[in-house]
Amino acid sequence: MQPYLFPYIGYFQLISAVDIFVLGDDLQYVKESWINRNRILVNGTDRLITFPLKKGQHLSKINERVLSDDFPEQMDKLVRVLHNAYSKAPCYKKVMPLLEETIQYPERNLAKYAENSIKRMCGYLDIPTPIVMASELAIDDVIDKQDRVSKTAKKLDGEIYINFIGGGGLYDFDYFRERGLTLLFHQINEVTYPQFGNAFVPRLSIIDVLMFNEISEVRRMLSCYSLLDRSHSLVSCCDRCETCRNAALAITASNAGRPHKRDHAYLAE
C-alpha cells in the first residue's frame, strides 16, 4: 500500500490482518491523494487536513518528496486545530500527546515521515505486524502493478495477497493463480461510534477513531472486516459483532460461495 498519513481504520485493519505489510515508498506520488492529507471532524462535519510539501517533479516517487520548509509552523497550526476540534472528546488526554509527538517528528522525507506515523499508531494499538519498505526489497524489472505485487510476494514467501475492495478492477485472479498466489480483497464492515452526539461521519482519519474510543474498543474494530474471493464470496468475516454477522449474512445471501476459515499467510502491499 502507499504510505498514507493517519489513514482511516480500514488501513489498520489490513495491517492487523496480514503477516507482512509492505509500504510502497517507491511508488509514484499522486497529487491530491491520501498520501499527505486526510479528514478529521470539525463542528460535526469533515474537514481536510494537509501536510504541505515542497514542489517536486510530476513523476516523483513518494520517497523523493519532501515536506515544506515551513513545516514546523504548519504542524503547530495543525496541533491547534486538533486541540480545538477534539479537546472535549473522551480520549483526548490520552491520545493528544501521542499525536503531538508523531506530528512533530523531525523527519522531512515524506515516505519516512509517513512510515514513522503508521508505526507509531500500530504501536499504540498493539499491532505487531512487521512493516517493510518496498525500496528495501529491491524488486527489479517491474512490468506493471501485478508483476510488482507477485514478485514482492514471492520474495517474502507470501502465499496470499490482500488488497482493498476498491482495487478489484486492478488485479486479475487468474494472473495470481498462475503464479502460485491467492488474491483476496478486504472490505471494511460497518464501523460506527458516538461523535459528540452528531450524525456519524464515516471513514475519517484514525485520529478521529482514537479520540472517541478506548484502545480496547479500537482493537475490537480492527476485526470488523470481511475477506472476499474472486466471486465476492465470503472467505472470512468478524463474527463478534452483530453488524459484522449481518454483513456476513448479506454477502452469503448474494453469493453462491461458502465461507471457510482463514488458514494462510497474508501479504499486503
Protein backbone atom coordinates (compact mmCIF):
# COMPACT_ATOMS: atom_id res chain seq x y z
CA MET A 1 0.00 0.00 0.00
CA GLN A 2 1.03 3.61 -0.47
CA PRO A 3 2.15 5.12 2.85
CA TYR A 4 -0.73 7.33 3.96
CA LEU A 5 -0.68 9.88 6.79
CA PHE A 6 -3.11 8.99 9.60
CA PRO A 7 -5.35 6.87 7.32
CA TYR A 8 -8.80 5.58 8.22
CA ILE A 9 -9.25 2.48 10.35
CA GLY A 10 -9.63 0.14 7.36
CA TYR A 11 -5.93 0.69 6.59
CA PHE A 12 -5.02 -0.51 10.08
CA GLN A 13 -7.44 -3.44 9.76
CA LEU A 14 -5.42 -4.55 6.76
CA ILE A 15 -2.11 -4.17 8.61
CA SER A 16 -3.51 -6.17 11.52
CA ALA A 17 -4.89 -8.89 9.22
CA VAL A 18 -1.66 -9.79 7.44
CA ASP A 19 1.69 -11.32 8.33
CA ILE A 20 3.77 -8.76 6.41
CA PHE A 21 2.75 -5.25 5.31
CA VAL A 22 4.69 -3.54 2.53
CA LEU A 23 4.75 0.25 2.27
CA GLY A 24 5.17 1.32 -1.35
CA ASP A 25 7.52 4.20 -0.66
CA ASP A 26 8.98 3.91 -4.17
CA LEU A 27 5.61 4.25 -5.90
CA GLN A 28 4.79 7.44 -7.79
CA TYR A 29 3.46 10.28 -5.65
CA VAL A 30 -0.17 11.05 -6.52
CA LYS A 31 -1.31 14.63 -6.08
CA GLU A 32 -4.48 15.16 -4.01
CA SER A 33 -4.40 11.59 -2.72
CA TRP A 34 -4.38 10.41 0.91
CA ILE A 35 -0.58 10.22 0.96
CA ASN A 36 -0.20 13.61 2.66
CA ARG A 37 -3.72 14.56 3.66
CA ASN A 38 -6.76 13.21 5.48
CA ARG A 39 -10.06 14.16 7.10
CA ILE A 40 -10.96 14.97 10.69
CA LEU A 41 -14.17 16.06 12.41
CA VAL A 42 -14.68 19.79 13.00
CA ASN A 43 -18.00 21.05 14.37
CA GLY A 44 -19.83 17.94 13.23
CA THR A 45 -18.56 17.89 9.65
CA ASP A 46 -15.47 16.53 7.92
CA ARG A 47 -12.53 18.84 7.31
CA LEU A 48 -9.47 18.18 5.18
CA ILE A 49 -6.04 18.46 6.79
CA THR A 50 -2.94 18.62 4.61
CA PHE A 51 0.75 18.04 5.28
CA PRO A 52 2.40 20.56 2.89
CA LEU A 53 5.19 19.53 0.54
CA LYS A 54 7.93 21.28 -1.35
CA LYS A 55 7.35 21.45 -5.09
CA GLY A 56 8.55 18.34 -6.86
CA GLN A 57 8.72 16.72 -10.28
CA HIS A 58 5.45 15.40 -11.70
CA LEU A 59 6.68 11.79 -11.78
CA SER A 60 8.49 11.88 -8.45
CA LYS A 61 8.33 8.84 -6.19
CA ILE A 62 6.88 9.18 -2.72
CA ASN A 63 10.30 8.75 -1.15
CA GLU A 64 11.59 11.61 -3.31
CA ARG A 65 9.10 14.14 -1.94
CA VAL A 66 9.98 16.38 0.98
CA LEU A 67 7.83 18.28 3.47
CA SER A 68 7.74 22.07 3.10
CA ASP A 69 10.31 24.45 4.63
CA ASP A 70 7.69 25.95 6.94
CA PHE A 71 6.53 22.50 8.02
CA PRO A 72 7.19 23.08 11.78
CA GLU A 73 4.96 26.16 11.78
CA GLN A 74 2.29 24.39 9.74
CA MET A 75 2.29 21.43 12.12
CA ASP A 76 1.99 23.73 15.13
CA LYS A 77 -1.16 25.07 13.46
CA LEU A 78 -2.41 21.53 12.88
CA VAL A 79 -1.89 20.65 16.54
CA ARG A 80 -4.00 23.67 17.48
CA VAL A 81 -6.70 22.59 15.00
CA LEU A 82 -6.79 19.14 16.59
CA HIS A 83 -6.96 20.65 20.06
CA ASN A 84 -9.89 22.87 19.12
CA ALA A 85 -11.68 20.02 17.35
CA TYR A 86 -11.22 17.28 19.95
CA SER A 87 -10.42 18.83 23.33
CA LYS A 88 -13.79 17.63 24.65
CA ALA A 89 -13.51 14.14 23.15
CA PRO A 90 -13.43 11.34 25.77
CA CYS A 91 -9.92 10.10 24.93
CA TYR A 92 -8.31 13.45 24.17
CA LYS A 93 -5.95 13.49 27.16
CA LYS A 94 -4.63 10.02 26.32
CA VAL A 95 -4.30 10.49 22.58
CA MET A 96 -3.22 14.10 22.09
CA PRO A 97 0.34 13.68 23.48
CA LEU A 98 0.89 10.77 21.06
CA LEU A 99 -0.40 12.80 18.13
CA GLU A 100 1.69 15.86 19.01
CA GLU A 101 4.87 13.81 19.21
CA THR A 102 4.06 11.98 15.97
CA ILE A 103 3.09 15.11 14.03
CA GLN A 104 6.19 17.00 15.20
CA TYR A 105 8.57 14.18 14.21
CA PRO A 106 11.61 15.99 12.71
CA GLU A 107 11.97 13.83 9.55
CA ARG A 108 11.31 15.77 6.33
CA ASN A 109 11.27 12.93 3.80
CA LEU A 110 7.59 12.23 3.15
CA ALA A 111 7.90 8.42 2.99
CA LYS A 112 9.95 8.19 6.18
CA TYR A 113 7.66 10.63 7.95
CA ALA A 114 4.61 8.58 6.97
CA GLU A 115 6.36 5.33 7.95
CA ASN A 116 7.01 6.69 11.42
CA SER A 117 3.41 7.84 11.87
CA ILE A 118 1.99 4.48 10.77
CA LYS A 119 4.35 2.55 13.04
CA ARG A 120 3.56 4.84 15.97
CA MET A 121 -0.17 4.25 15.52
CA CYS A 122 0.41 0.50 15.25
CA GLY A 123 2.49 0.56 18.41
CA TYR A 124 -0.27 2.39 20.28
CA LEU A 125 -2.81 -0.18 19.09
CA ASP A 126 -0.52 -3.14 19.77
CA ILE A 127 -0.47 -4.26 16.12
CA PRO A 128 2.72 -6.38 15.83
CA THR A 129 2.74 -6.86 12.04
CA PRO A 130 6.20 -6.24 10.53
CA ILE A 131 6.17 -3.26 8.17
CA VAL A 132 8.64 -3.33 5.28
CA MET A 133 9.59 -0.52 2.91
CA ALA A 134 9.31 -1.61 -0.72
CA SER A 135 12.51 0.21 -1.69
CA GLU A 136 14.45 -2.03 0.71
CA LEU A 137 13.31 -5.15 -1.17
CA ALA A 138 14.96 -4.03 -4.43
CA ILE A 139 12.34 -5.54 -6.74
CA ASP A 140 13.79 -5.05 -10.24
CA ASP A 141 12.47 -5.17 -13.82
CA VAL A 142 8.86 -4.46 -12.84
CA ILE A 143 6.44 -4.58 -15.77
CA ASP A 144 3.23 -3.39 -14.10
CA LYS A 145 1.29 -3.37 -10.81
CA GLN A 146 0.55 -7.08 -10.86
CA ASP A 147 4.11 -8.02 -11.70
CA ARG A 148 5.35 -5.85 -8.85
CA VAL A 149 2.97 -7.45 -6.35
CA SER A 150 3.68 -11.03 -7.42
CA LYS A 151 7.46 -10.51 -7.28
CA THR A 152 7.15 -8.87 -3.87
CA ALA A 153 5.03 -11.72 -2.55
CA LYS A 154 7.46 -14.33 -3.85
CA LYS A 155 10.43 -12.52 -2.32
CA LEU A 156 8.70 -12.54 1.07
CA ASP A 157 7.46 -16.14 0.72
CA GLY A 158 3.87 -14.93 0.66
CA GLU A 159 1.03 -17.21 -0.35
CA ILE A 160 -1.90 -14.77 -0.35
CA TYR A 161 -2.07 -11.13 -1.41
CA ILE A 162 -4.79 -8.91 0.04
CA ASN A 163 -5.87 -5.57 -1.40
CA PHE A 164 -8.72 -3.24 -0.58
CA ILE A 165 -12.01 -3.99 -2.31
CA GLY A 166 -11.63 -0.77 -4.32
CA GLY A 167 -8.73 -2.37 -6.17
CA GLY A 168 -10.91 -5.10 -7.63
CA GLY A 169 -10.52 -3.79 -11.15
CA LEU A 170 -6.72 -3.63 -10.98
CA TYR A 171 -5.82 -7.25 -10.29
CA ASP A 172 -6.65 -10.47 -12.12
CA PHE A 173 -7.32 -13.62 -10.10
CA ASP A 174 -6.04 -15.94 -12.81
CA TYR A 175 -2.80 -13.96 -13.11
CA PHE A 176 -2.07 -14.57 -9.43
CA ARG A 177 -3.21 -18.20 -9.53
CA GLU A 178 -0.82 -18.93 -12.40
CA ARG A 179 2.00 -17.65 -10.19
CA GLY A 180 1.02 -19.75 -7.21
CA LEU A 181 -0.65 -16.91 -5.30
CA THR A 182 -4.16 -16.37 -4.00
CA LEU A 183 -5.78 -12.94 -4.37
CA LEU A 184 -8.29 -11.72 -1.77
CA PHE A 185 -10.00 -8.41 -1.13
CA HIS A 186 -10.54 -6.64 2.17
CA GLN A 187 -13.90 -4.96 2.77
CA ILE A 188 -14.48 -2.95 5.93
CA ASN A 189 -17.73 -3.76 7.73
CA GLU A 190 -19.84 -1.05 9.30
CA VAL A 191 -17.84 0.76 12.00
CA THR A 192 -19.66 3.48 13.93
CA TYR A 193 -19.19 5.24 17.26
CA PRO A 194 -20.53 8.37 19.00
CA GLN A 195 -19.13 11.69 17.73
CA PHE A 196 -20.34 14.35 20.18
CA GLY A 197 -23.92 13.19 19.62
CA ASN A 198 -23.95 14.33 16.00
CA ALA A 199 -24.80 12.30 12.89
CA PHE A 200 -21.93 9.87 12.33
CA VAL A 201 -19.33 10.87 9.73
CA PRO A 202 -17.64 7.68 8.44
CA ARG A 203 -14.11 6.93 7.25
CA LEU A 204 -12.35 9.80 8.94
CA SER A 205 -8.70 9.64 9.92
CA ILE A 206 -7.61 7.20 12.63
CA ILE A 207 -7.20 10.39 14.69
CA ASP A 208 -10.98 10.62 14.99
CA VAL A 209 -11.34 6.95 15.94
CA LEU A 210 -8.72 7.26 18.68
CA MET A 211 -10.20 10.44 20.10
CA PHE A 212 -13.61 8.86 20.67
CA ASN A 213 -12.72 5.26 21.58
CA GLU A 214 -10.66 3.46 24.19
CA ILE A 215 -7.88 1.25 22.85
CA SER A 216 -9.83 -1.93 23.71
CA GLU A 217 -12.73 -0.74 21.54
CA VAL A 218 -10.48 0.26 18.66
CA ARG A 219 -8.82 -3.17 18.78
CA ARG A 220 -12.29 -4.73 18.52
CA MET A 221 -12.94 -2.57 15.45
CA LEU A 222 -9.73 -3.88 13.86
CA SER A 223 -11.51 -7.20 13.32
CA CYS A 224 -14.61 -5.68 11.73
CA TYR A 225 -13.90 -6.59 8.11
CA SER A 226 -14.63 -9.29 5.55
CA LEU A 227 -12.28 -11.04 3.11
CA LEU A 228 -13.74 -11.85 -0.30
CA ASP A 229 -12.59 -14.06 -3.16
CA ARG A 230 -12.95 -13.76 -6.93
CA SER A 231 -16.72 -14.15 -6.90
CA HIS A 232 -17.02 -11.78 -3.94
CA SER A 233 -17.91 -14.80 -1.84
CA LEU A 234 -17.04 -14.71 1.83
CA VAL A 235 -13.69 -16.18 2.84
CA SER A 236 -13.68 -14.88 6.42
CA CYS A 237 -15.51 -12.28 8.48
CA CYS A 238 -15.57 -10.97 12.05
CA ASP A 239 -18.27 -12.86 13.95
CA ARG A 240 -18.04 -10.99 17.28
CA CYS A 241 -20.27 -8.05 16.33
CA GLU A 242 -23.90 -8.07 15.28
CA THR A 243 -23.20 -5.68 12.40
CA CYS A 244 -20.38 -7.95 11.18
CA ARG A 245 -22.55 -11.05 11.42
CA ASN A 246 -25.21 -9.22 9.43
CA ALA A 247 -22.57 -8.27 6.87
CA ALA A 248 -21.59 -11.92 6.53
CA LEU A 249 -25.21 -12.95 6.06
CA ALA A 250 -25.67 -10.29 3.39
CA ILE A 251 -22.59 -11.47 1.49
CA THR A 252 -23.51 -15.15 1.64
CA ALA A 253 -27.10 -14.36 0.65
CA SER A 254 -25.93 -12.63 -2.52
CA ASN A 255 -23.25 -15.16 -3.49
CA ALA A 256 -23.17 -18.90 -4.01
CA GLY A 257 -19.73 -19.31 -2.37
CA ARG A 258 -19.35 -20.96 1.01
CA PRO A 259 -17.27 -19.32 3.77
CA HIS A 260 -14.20 -21.10 5.03
CA LYS A 261 -11.59 -20.41 7.64
CA ARG A 262 -8.53 -18.24 7.11
CA ASP A 263 -5.51 -20.56 7.15
CA HIS A 264 -2.71 -18.97 5.14
CA ALA A 265 -0.07 -16.30 5.49
CA TYR A 266 -1.17 -12.92 4.17
CA LEU A 267 0.82 -10.20 2.48
CA ALA A 268 -0.35 -6.64 1.91
CA GLU A 269 1.32 -4.13 -0.36
